[in-house]
C-alpha atoms as a PDB file:
ATOM      1  CA  UNK A   1     -68.697  -1.075  46.037  1.00  0.00           C
ATOM      2  CA  UNK A   2     -71.493   1.438  45.907  1.00  0.00           C
ATOM      3  CA  UNK A   3     -74.619   0.676  47.853  1.00  0.00           C
ATOM      4  CA  UNK A   4     -77.904   2.507  47.767  1.00  0.00           C
ATOM      5  CA  UNK A   5     -80.237   3.508  50.558  1.00  0.00           C
ATOM      6  CA  UNK A   6     -82.881   1.281  48.914  1.00  0.00           C
ATOM      7  CA  UNK A   7     -80.656  -1.782  49.291  1.00  0.00           C
ATOM      8  CA  UNK A   8     -79.926  -0.879  52.894  1.00  0.00           C
ATOM      9  CA  UNK A   9     -83.632  -0.393  53.590  1.00  0.00           C
ATOM     10  CA  UNK A  10     -84.406  -3.821  52.122  1.00  0.00           C
ATOM     11  CA  UNK A  11     -81.827  -5.431  54.392  1.00  0.00           C
ATOM     12  CA  UNK A  12     -83.134  -3.624  57.459  1.00  0.00           C
ATOM     13  CA  UNK A  13     -86.729  -4.631  56.698  1.00  0.00           C
ATOM     14  CA  UNK A  14     -85.665  -8.261  56.315  1.00  0.00           C
ATOM     15  CA  UNK A  15     -83.715  -8.180  59.574  1.00  0.00           C
ATOM     16  CA  UNK A  16     -86.611  -6.568  61.455  1.00  0.00           C
ATOM     17  CA  UNK A  17     -89.050  -9.194  60.188  1.00  0.00           C
ATOM     18  CA  UNK A  18     -86.721 -12.126  60.897  1.00  0.00           C
ATOM     19  CA  UNK A  19     -86.353 -12.998  57.215  1.00  0.00           C
ATOM     20  CA  UNK A  20     -82.995 -14.151  55.852  1.00  0.00           C
ATOM     21  CA  UNK A  21     -83.872 -13.804  52.143  1.00  0.00           C
ATOM     22  CA  UNK A  22     -83.600 -10.322  50.676  1.00  0.00           C
ATOM     23  CA  UNK A  23     -84.671  -9.255  47.178  1.00  0.00           C
ATOM     24  CA  UNK A  24     -83.968  -5.941  45.449  1.00  0.00           C
ATOM     25  CA  UNK A  25     -83.303  -4.801  41.886  1.00  0.00           C
ATOM     26  CA  UNK A  26     -84.228  -8.251  40.554  1.00  0.00           C
ATOM     27  CA  UNK A  27     -81.595  -9.929  42.732  1.00  0.00           C
ATOM     28  CA  UNK A  28     -82.160 -12.273  45.638  1.00  0.00           C
ATOM     29  CA  UNK A  29     -79.726 -13.143  48.419  1.00  0.00           C
ATOM     30  CA  UNK A  30     -80.229 -15.530  51.317  1.00  0.00           C
ATOM     31  CA  UNK A  31     -78.078 -15.018  54.393  1.00  0.00           C
ATOM     32  CA  UNK A  32     -77.035 -17.928  56.594  1.00  0.00           C
ATOM     33  CA  UNK A  33     -78.080 -16.335  59.862  1.00  0.00           C
ATOM     34  CA  UNK A  34     -79.367 -13.124  61.425  1.00  0.00           C
ATOM     35  CA  UNK A  35     -75.835 -12.161  62.584  1.00  0.00           C
ATOM     36  CA  UNK A  36     -74.624 -12.519  58.963  1.00  0.00           C
ATOM     37  CA  UNK A  37     -77.393 -10.207  57.794  1.00  0.00           C
ATOM     38  CA  UNK A  38     -76.673  -7.708  60.571  1.00  0.00           C
ATOM     39  CA  UNK A  39     -72.964  -7.726  59.696  1.00  0.00           C
ATOM     40  CA  UNK A  40     -73.842  -6.870  56.077  1.00  0.00           C
ATOM     41  CA  UNK A  41     -76.088  -4.036  57.265  1.00  0.00           C
ATOM     42  CA  UNK A  42     -73.281  -2.613  59.415  1.00  0.00           C
ATOM     43  CA  UNK A  43     -70.795  -2.886  56.531  1.00  0.00           C
ATOM     44  CA  UNK A  44     -73.107  -1.056  54.131  1.00  0.00           C
ATOM     45  CA  UNK A  45     -73.901   1.639  56.724  1.00  0.00           C
ATOM     46  CA  UNK A  46     -70.180   2.255  57.238  1.00  0.00           C
ATOM     47  CA  UNK A  47     -69.495   2.432  53.483  1.00  0.00           C
ATOM     48  CA  UNK A  48     -72.398   4.826  52.878  1.00  0.00           C
ATOM     49  CA  UNK A  49     -71.249   6.998  55.787  1.00  0.00           C
ATOM     50  CA  UNK A  50     -67.672   7.057  54.477  1.00  0.00           C
ATOM     51  CA  UNK A  51     -68.809   7.936  50.955  1.00  0.00           C
ATOM     52  CA  UNK A  52     -70.958  10.793  52.214  1.00  0.00           C
ATOM     53  CA  UNK A  53     -68.237  12.176  54.465  1.00  0.00           C
ATOM     54  CA  UNK A  54     -70.151  11.461  57.668  1.00  0.00           C
ATOM     55  CA  UNK A  55     -68.009  10.199  60.524  1.00  0.00           C
ATOM     56  CA  UNK A  56     -68.201   6.511  61.370  1.00  0.00           C
ATOM     57  CA  UNK A  57     -70.284   5.897  64.498  1.00  0.00           C
ATOM     58  CA  UNK A  58     -68.216   5.079  67.556  1.00  0.00           C
ATOM     59  CA  UNK A  59     -69.100   2.333  69.965  1.00  0.00           C
ATOM     60  CA  UNK A  60     -67.679   1.906  73.416  1.00  0.00           C
ATOM     61  CA  UNK A  61     -68.348  -0.344  76.360  1.00  0.00           C
ATOM     62  CA  UNK A  62     -68.115   0.426  80.048  1.00  0.00           C
ATOM     63  CA  UNK A  63     -65.825  -1.747  82.125  1.00  0.00           C
ATOM     64  CA  UNK A  64     -65.944  -2.069  85.883  1.00  0.00           C
ATOM     65  CA  UNK A  65     -63.471  -3.495  88.365  1.00  0.00           C
ATOM     66  CA  UNK A  66     -64.147  -4.331  91.928  1.00  0.00           C
ATOM     67  CA  UNK A  67     -61.403  -2.725  93.754  1.00  0.00           C
END
């Protein structure tokens, strides 16, 4: 599916304001929760990055052991 930067911007604005309903291009979508909305944002960011040839951002977590 092709997403636009405008759609992504609309989702980010909604997430930043705490709103779960997003409207763009005459369409309206209501997400069940903030994590659902954030998951959609991450999915769209990854698809846009892949389509543009940019590498997918890597995430890592530090782990510590008492030894």
